[in-house]
Structures are given as structure tokens and as C-alpha cells.
C-alpha atoms as a PDB file:
ATOM      1  CA  MET A   1     -57.943 -24.102 -29.137  1.00  0.00           C
ATOM      2  CA  ASP A   2     -61.475 -23.027 -27.136  1.00  0.00           C
ATOM      3  CA  GLU A   3     -62.891 -19.643 -27.050  1.00  0.00           C
ATOM      4  CA  LEU A   4     -61.466 -18.672 -23.452  1.00  0.00           C
ATOM      5  CA  GLU A   5     -58.220 -19.119 -25.184  1.00  0.00           C
ATOM      6  CA  ILE A   6     -59.131 -17.258 -28.069  1.00  0.00           C
ATOM      7  CA  MET A   7     -60.517 -14.701 -26.216  1.00  0.00           C
ATOM      8  CA  LYS A   8     -57.130 -14.463 -23.965  1.00  0.00           C
ATOM      9  CA  GLU A   9     -55.293 -13.454 -27.111  1.00  0.00           C
ATOM     10  CA  ARG A  10     -57.752 -10.957 -27.938  1.00  0.00           C
ATOM     11  CA  PHE A  11     -57.923  -9.368 -24.590  1.00  0.00           C
ATOM     12  CA  CYS A  12     -53.797  -9.185 -24.610  1.00  0.00           C
ATOM     13  CA  ALA A  13     -53.092  -8.214 -28.361  1.00  0.00           C
ATOM     14  CA  HIS A  14     -55.199  -5.259 -27.046  1.00  0.00           C
ATOM     15  CA  PRO A  15     -54.523  -3.789 -24.001  1.00  0.00           C
ATOM     16  CA  SER A  16     -55.582  -0.300 -24.918  1.00  0.00           C
ATOM     17  CA  ARG A  17     -59.513  -1.560 -24.718  1.00  0.00           C
ATOM     18  CA  HIS A  18     -59.018  -1.880 -20.937  1.00  0.00           C
ATOM     19  CA  PRO A  19     -56.119  -0.009 -18.979  1.00  0.00           C
ATOM     20  CA  SER A  20     -55.018  -2.035 -16.071  1.00  0.00           C
ATOM     21  CA  LEU A  21     -57.379  -4.125 -16.113  1.00  0.00           C
ATOM     22  CA  SER A  22     -55.855  -8.315 -16.076  1.00  0.00           C
ATOM     23  CA  TRP A  23     -57.350 -11.336 -17.737  1.00  0.00           C
ATOM     24  CA  GLY A  24     -57.371 -13.306 -13.946  1.00  0.00           C
ATOM     25  CA  GLU A  25     -59.850 -10.025 -13.353  1.00  0.00           C
ATOM     26  CA  VAL A  26     -61.796 -11.271 -16.498  1.00  0.00           C
ATOM     27  CA  VAL A  27     -62.154 -14.541 -15.721  1.00  0.00           C
ATOM     28  CA  SER A  28     -62.377 -14.738 -12.113  1.00  0.00           C
ATOM     29  CA  ALA A  29     -65.931 -12.561 -13.173  1.00  0.00           C
ATOM     30  CA  LEU A  30     -67.493 -15.610 -14.856  1.00  0.00           C
ATOM     31  CA  ASP A  31     -70.003 -18.144 -14.024  1.00  0.00           C
ATOM     32  CA  ALA A  32     -71.094 -21.121 -16.219  1.00  0.00           C
ATOM     33  CA  GLN A  33     -73.899 -19.033 -17.772  1.00  0.00           C
ATOM     34  CA  LYS A  34     -71.672 -15.917 -18.428  1.00  0.00           C
ATOM     35  CA  LYS A  35     -69.368 -18.209 -19.750  1.00  0.00           C
ATOM     36  CA  ALA A  36     -72.316 -19.557 -22.520  1.00  0.00           C
ATOM     37  CA  SER A  37     -72.671 -16.399 -23.512  1.00  0.00           C
ATOM     38  CA  LEU A  38     -68.974 -15.538 -23.875  1.00  0.00           C
ATOM     39  CA  VAL A  39     -69.095 -18.151 -26.511  1.00  0.00           C
ATOM     40  CA  TYR A  40     -72.137 -17.298 -28.233  1.00  0.00           C
ATOM     41  CA  MET A  41     -70.959 -14.069 -28.673  1.00  0.00           C
ATOM     42  CA  GLU A  42     -67.211 -15.855 -30.175  1.00  0.00           C
ATOM     43  CA  GLU A  43     -68.736 -18.302 -32.495  1.00  0.00           C
ATOM     44  CA  THR A  44     -70.953 -15.501 -34.398  1.00  0.00           C
ATOM     45  CA  GLY A  45     -68.241 -13.346 -35.013  1.00  0.00           C
ATOM     46  CA  GLY A  46     -68.144 -10.732 -32.061  1.00  0.00           C
ATOM     47  CA  GLU A  47     -64.785 -10.843 -31.478  1.00  0.00           C
ATOM     48  CA  PRO A  48     -65.916 -10.335 -27.620  1.00  0.00           C
ATOM     49  CA  ASP A  49     -63.377  -8.630 -25.264  1.00  0.00           C
ATOM     50  CA  ALA A  50     -63.473  -6.526 -22.260  1.00  0.00           C
ATOM     51  CA  PHE A  51     -64.507  -2.925 -21.809  1.00  0.00           C
ATOM     52  CA  VAL A  52     -64.946  -0.489 -19.334  1.00  0.00           C
ATOM     53  CA  PHE A  53     -68.078   1.597 -19.597  1.00  0.00           C
ATOM     54  CA  GLU A  54     -69.072   3.731 -16.692  1.00  0.00           C
ATOM     55  CA  GLY A  55     -66.663   2.080 -14.051  1.00  0.00           C
ATOM     56  CA  ARG A  56     -67.935  -1.060 -15.361  1.00  0.00           C
ATOM     57  CA  LEU A  57     -66.437  -4.419 -16.494  1.00  0.00           C
ATOM     58  CA  TYR A  58     -68.132  -5.469 -19.781  1.00  0.00           C
ATOM     59  CA  MET A  59     -67.245  -8.069 -22.490  1.00  0.00           C
ATOM     60  CA  ALA A  60     -68.425  -6.443 -25.585  1.00  0.00           C
ATOM     61  CA  ASP A  61     -68.354  -7.159 -29.588  1.00  0.00           C
ATOM     62  CA  PHE A  62     -65.060  -5.551 -31.221  1.00  0.00           C
ATOM     63  CA  SER A  63     -65.431  -7.423 -34.251  1.00  0.00           C
ATOM     64  CA  PRO A  64     -64.562  -4.170 -37.066  1.00  0.00           C
ATOM     65  CA  GLU A  65     -67.963  -5.332 -38.729  1.00  0.00           C
ATOM     66  CA  SER A  66     -71.352  -6.061 -37.519  1.00  0.00           C
ATOM     67  CA  PRO A  67     -71.198  -9.903 -35.798  1.00  0.00           C
ATOM     68  CA  LYS A  68     -73.042 -12.314 -37.999  1.00  0.00           C
ATOM     69  CA  ARG A  69     -76.051 -12.349 -36.324  1.00  0.00           C
ATOM     70  CA  ARG A  70     -77.794  -9.942 -38.826  1.00  0.00           C
ATOM     71  CA  SER A  71     -80.859 -10.113 -41.114  1.00  0.00           C
ATOM     72  CA  CYS A  72     -83.048  -9.578 -38.030  1.00  0.00           C
ATOM     73  CA  CYS A  73     -85.090  -6.298 -37.061  1.00  0.00           C
ATOM     74  CA  TYR A  74     -84.555  -4.573 -33.767  1.00  0.00           C
ATOM     75  CA  ASP A  75     -87.132  -6.685 -31.629  1.00  0.00           C
ATOM     76  CA  GLY A  76     -89.989  -9.060 -31.396  1.00  0.00           C
ATOM     77  CA  LYS A  77     -93.040  -6.585 -31.610  1.00  0.00           C
ATOM     78  CA  ALA A  78     -91.732  -5.246 -35.243  1.00  0.00           C
ATOM     79  CA  ARG A  79     -90.914  -8.508 -35.752  1.00  0.00           C
ATOM     80  CA  ALA A  80     -94.698  -9.816 -35.303  1.00  0.00           C
ATOM     81  CA  ALA A  81     -96.108  -6.681 -36.816  1.00  0.00           C
ATOM     82  CA  ARG A  82     -94.227  -6.748 -39.919  1.00  0.00           C
ATOM     83  CA  LYS A  83     -96.872  -7.685 -42.699  1.00  0.00           C
ATOM     84  CA  ARG A  84     -94.889  -9.543 -45.390  1.00  0.00           C
ATOM     85  CA  ASN A  85     -91.375 -11.078 -45.273  1.00  0.00           C
ATOM     86  CA  PRO A  86     -91.219 -10.932 -41.151  1.00  0.00           C
ATOM     87  CA  PRO A  87     -87.581 -11.883 -40.483  1.00  0.00           C
ATOM     88  CA  GLU A  88     -87.157 -15.134 -38.330  1.00  0.00           C
ATOM     89  CA  THR A  89     -86.309 -13.681 -35.386  1.00  0.00           C
ATOM     90  CA  SER A  90     -84.790 -10.302 -33.918  1.00  0.00           C
ATOM     91  CA  ALA A  91     -81.735  -8.281 -32.415  1.00  0.00           C
ATOM     92  CA  ARG A  92     -83.428  -8.168 -28.910  1.00  0.00           C
ATOM     93  CA  GLU A  93     -84.973 -11.253 -29.022  1.00  0.00           C
ATOM     94  CA  ILE A  94     -81.153 -12.723 -30.056  1.00  0.00           C
ATOM     95  CA  ALA A  95     -79.549 -11.268 -27.103  1.00  0.00           C
ATOM     96  CA  GLU A  96     -81.832 -11.906 -24.263  1.00  0.00           C
ATOM     97  CA  ALA A  97     -82.244 -16.156 -25.561  1.00  0.00           C
ATOM     98  CA  HIS A  98     -77.809 -15.904 -25.147  1.00  0.00           C
ATOM     99  CA  GLY A  99     -78.175 -13.139 -21.515  1.00  0.00           C
ATOM    100  CA  LEU A 100     -76.486 -10.907 -23.818  1.00  0.00           C
ATOM    101  CA  GLU A 101     -77.592  -6.800 -24.165  1.00  0.00           C
ATOM    102  CA  LEU A 102     -77.643  -4.176 -27.329  1.00  0.00           C
ATOM    103  CA  VAL A 103     -75.261  -1.988 -26.741  1.00  0.00           C
ATOM    104  CA  SER A 104     -76.518   1.737 -25.360  1.00  0.00           C
ATOM    105  CA  GLU A 105     -75.961   4.725 -27.865  1.00  0.00           C
ATOM    106  CA  GLU A 106     -73.677   6.380 -24.973  1.00  0.00           C
ATOM    107  CA  MET A 107     -71.730   2.824 -25.286  1.00  0.00           C
ATOM    108  CA  TYR A 108     -71.510   2.340 -29.139  1.00  0.00           C
ATOM    109  CA  LEU A 109     -70.094   5.530 -29.292  1.00  0.00           C
ATOM    110  CA  ALA A 110     -67.194   4.942 -26.343  1.00  0.00           C
ATOM    111  CA  LEU A 111     -66.459   1.723 -28.392  1.00  0.00           C
ATOM    112  CA  GLU A 112     -66.279   3.800 -31.734  1.00  0.00           C
ATOM    113  CA  GLU A 113     -63.912   5.903 -29.842  1.00  0.00           C
ATOM    114  CA  ALA A 114     -62.286   2.996 -28.648  1.00  0.00           C
ATOM    115  CA  GLU A 115     -61.336   2.042 -31.977  1.00  0.00           C
ATOM    116  CA  PRO A 116     -63.320   2.129 -35.892  1.00  0.00           C
ATOM    117  CA  LEU A 117     -65.850  -0.403 -35.906  1.00  0.00           C
ATOM    118  CA  ASP A 118     -69.067  -0.682 -38.933  1.00  0.00           C
ATOM    119  CA  GLU A 119     -67.439   1.194 -41.474  1.00  0.00           C
ATOM    120  CA  LYS A 120     -69.410  -1.967 -43.920  1.00  0.00           C
ATOM    121  CA  THR A 121     -72.555  -2.257 -42.069  1.00  0.00           C
ATOM    122  CA  THR A 122     -74.474  -1.322 -39.597  1.00  0.00           C
ATOM    123  CA  SER A 123     -75.899  -2.360 -36.025  1.00  0.00           C
ATOM    124  CA  TRP A 124     -78.814  -1.839 -33.836  1.00  0.00           C
ATOM    125  CA  ILE A 125     -78.593  -0.264 -31.099  1.00  0.00           C
ATOM    126  CA  LEU A 126     -80.178   0.106 -27.434  1.00  0.00           C
ATOM    127  CA  THR A 127     -83.432   1.949 -28.702  1.00  0.00           C
ATOM    128  CA  PRO A 128     -84.904   4.736 -25.806  1.00  0.00           C
ATOM    129  CA  GLU A 129     -88.564   3.535 -25.004  1.00  0.00           C
ATOM    130  CA  GLY A 130     -90.371   6.629 -26.599  1.00  0.00           C
ATOM    131  CA  MET A 131     -88.811   6.504 -29.714  1.00  0.00           C
ATOM    132  CA  ARG A 132     -89.592   2.462 -29.756  1.00  0.00           C
ATOM    133  CA  LYS A 133     -92.856   3.095 -28.683  1.00  0.00           C
ATOM    134  CA  GLN A 134     -93.316   5.485 -31.835  1.00  0.00           C
ATOM    135  CA  GLY A 135     -91.958   2.477 -34.231  1.00  0.00           C
ATOM    136  CA  GLY A 136     -88.855   3.648 -34.295  1.00  0.00           C
ATOM    137  CA  ALA A 137     -85.081   1.874 -33.043  1.00  0.00           C
ATOM    138  CA  LEU A 138     -82.122   3.205 -33.545  1.00  0.00           C
ATOM    139  CA  PHE A 139     -78.779   1.818 -35.060  1.00  0.00           C
ATOM    140  CA  GLY A 140     -74.770   3.546 -36.043  1.00  0.00           C
ATOM    141  CA  SER A 141     -71.991   3.275 -38.539  1.00  0.00           C
ATOM    142  CA  ARG A 142     -68.867   4.300 -39.262  1.00  0.00           C
ATOM    143  CA  ARG A 143     -68.820   6.556 -42.357  1.00  0.00           C
ATOM    144  CA  TYR A 144     -66.208   9.143 -44.059  1.00  0.00           C
ATOM    145  CA  GLY A 145     -64.011   8.629 -40.692  1.00  0.00           C
ATOM    146  CA  ARG A 146     -66.880   9.782 -38.259  1.00  0.00           C
ATOM    147  CA  THR A 147     -69.269   7.746 -36.457  1.00  0.00           C
ATOM    148  CA  PHE A 148     -73.435   8.282 -37.313  1.00  0.00           C
ATOM    149  CA  ILE A 149     -76.523   7.067 -35.074  1.00  0.00           C
ATOM    150  CA  TYR A 150     -79.374   6.805 -37.033  1.00  0.00           C
ATOM    151  CA  CYS A 151     -82.844   5.655 -36.787  1.00  0.00           C
ATOM    152  CA  ASN A 152     -84.915   3.344 -38.960  1.00  0.00           C
ATOM    153  CA  GLY A 153     -88.618   1.531 -38.291  1.00  0.00           C
ATOM    154  CA  ALA A 154     -88.091  -1.296 -36.103  1.00  0.00           C
ATOM    155  CA  ASP A 155     -88.754  -3.839 -38.137  1.00  0.00           C
ATOM    156  CA  SER A 156     -86.778  -3.075 -40.946  1.00  0.00           C
ATOM    157  CA  TYR A 157     -84.231  -5.691 -41.318  1.00  0.00           C
ATOM    158  CA  TYR A 158     -80.901  -5.761 -43.629  1.00  0.00           C
ATOM    159  CA  ALA A 159     -78.060  -8.361 -44.769  1.00  0.00           C
ATOM    160  CA  SER A 160     -76.211  -5.650 -43.926  1.00  0.00           C
ATOM    161  CA  ARG A 161     -77.275  -4.891 -40.441  1.00  0.00           C
ATOM    162  CA  GLY A 162     -76.735  -6.973 -37.388  1.00  0.00           C
ATOM    163  CA  PHE A 163     -76.355  -5.672 -33.416  1.00  0.00           C
ATOM    164  CA  ARG A 164     -73.880  -5.412 -31.197  1.00  0.00           C
ATOM    165  CA  ALA A 165     -73.861  -7.242 -28.200  1.00  0.00           C
ATOM    166  CA  CYS A 166     -72.751  -6.617 -24.422  1.00  0.00           C
ATOM    167  CA  LEU A 167     -72.488  -8.317 -21.758  1.00  0.00           C
ATOM    168  CA  ARG A 168     -71.806  -6.825 -18.062  1.00  0.00           C
ATOM    169  CA  LEU A 169     -69.333  -8.478 -15.086  1.00  0.00           C
ATOM    170  CA  GLY A 170     -69.034  -6.467 -12.905  1.00  0.00           C
END
């Protein structure tokens, strides 16, 4: 079964994530580059599904735990500044290389409202530029039945922290 068939099955299995949206509408919004981005999301365990956020159609990571894109710091600037044991890459570099964006804090909270995610892991999320200029970066998780947004040094990285990505379709 190819990745689009897997995504169609996921789409049909979770109608509450995208009420009044048809699979045909999703497919019609895909060009070759967007399909390649979605295949990457699927191959790295993101379990992408359609999600309408602020009136726009996205494909977003709905994997129960942070996707397999882990052990990376927040962005290339943080990676380059790390003196000891720098990771091979960063969340922002990976996302941009595959035509993706990190989910915003608002989208992360909306995804968590749709269903609980990151109960054992954490995920980098898009960080406001002012915070990033001070060396910090945001990540989220769900613990004790509640969603938390935290900050950490952008150069930190952990085996249990990946990032949640999205792809805007409409």
C-alpha cells in the first residue's frame, strides 16, 4: 500500500479531525512537491492527517508521540553554536528541507484539543523570533491530562524530543 492510500485510510478513520471535508478536496490540493513532503512525514512516523486550522487546510503530524525526527536541536543557528556534541541537524533545517513548517503554539494546542499527543515525548514547535533571539525555543507535551508549553535552550536536544510539522494545503 502506498503512502497516499495509508493517509486516505487514516483520513476516513478520524472524521472528527476534519468534519465536512472530503478526501477528494485533500488530494486536489496536492502537487508533486506537497506529495513528496507528505511522503516524508509518513515515512518518519508523523502519521499526517488533514486538519483545518484558522480556516485553512493543513496536513499535520498526528502521531501519538513525537515523530521519529528526533535528537535534533531547534534550528541551524543553535546547532552551529553548540560547542560540544552538536547534533547532525535541527528541527527547522529538516522541516525546511522537506517543504514543511513547524506547528505554531496555537496549532499545537488545537491538535492537542483534537486528541492527546506527546504523552511520553516532547515536540519542538515554532518559536516567536523575540524568544529565539534570546536563545530560547518552545516545545510542548501532554502530562497529567493537560497540555504544557515549555521553553528550553534552542541548542538542547534529547532522544525523546522531535518536532511536529505541518504542510499548508489551502
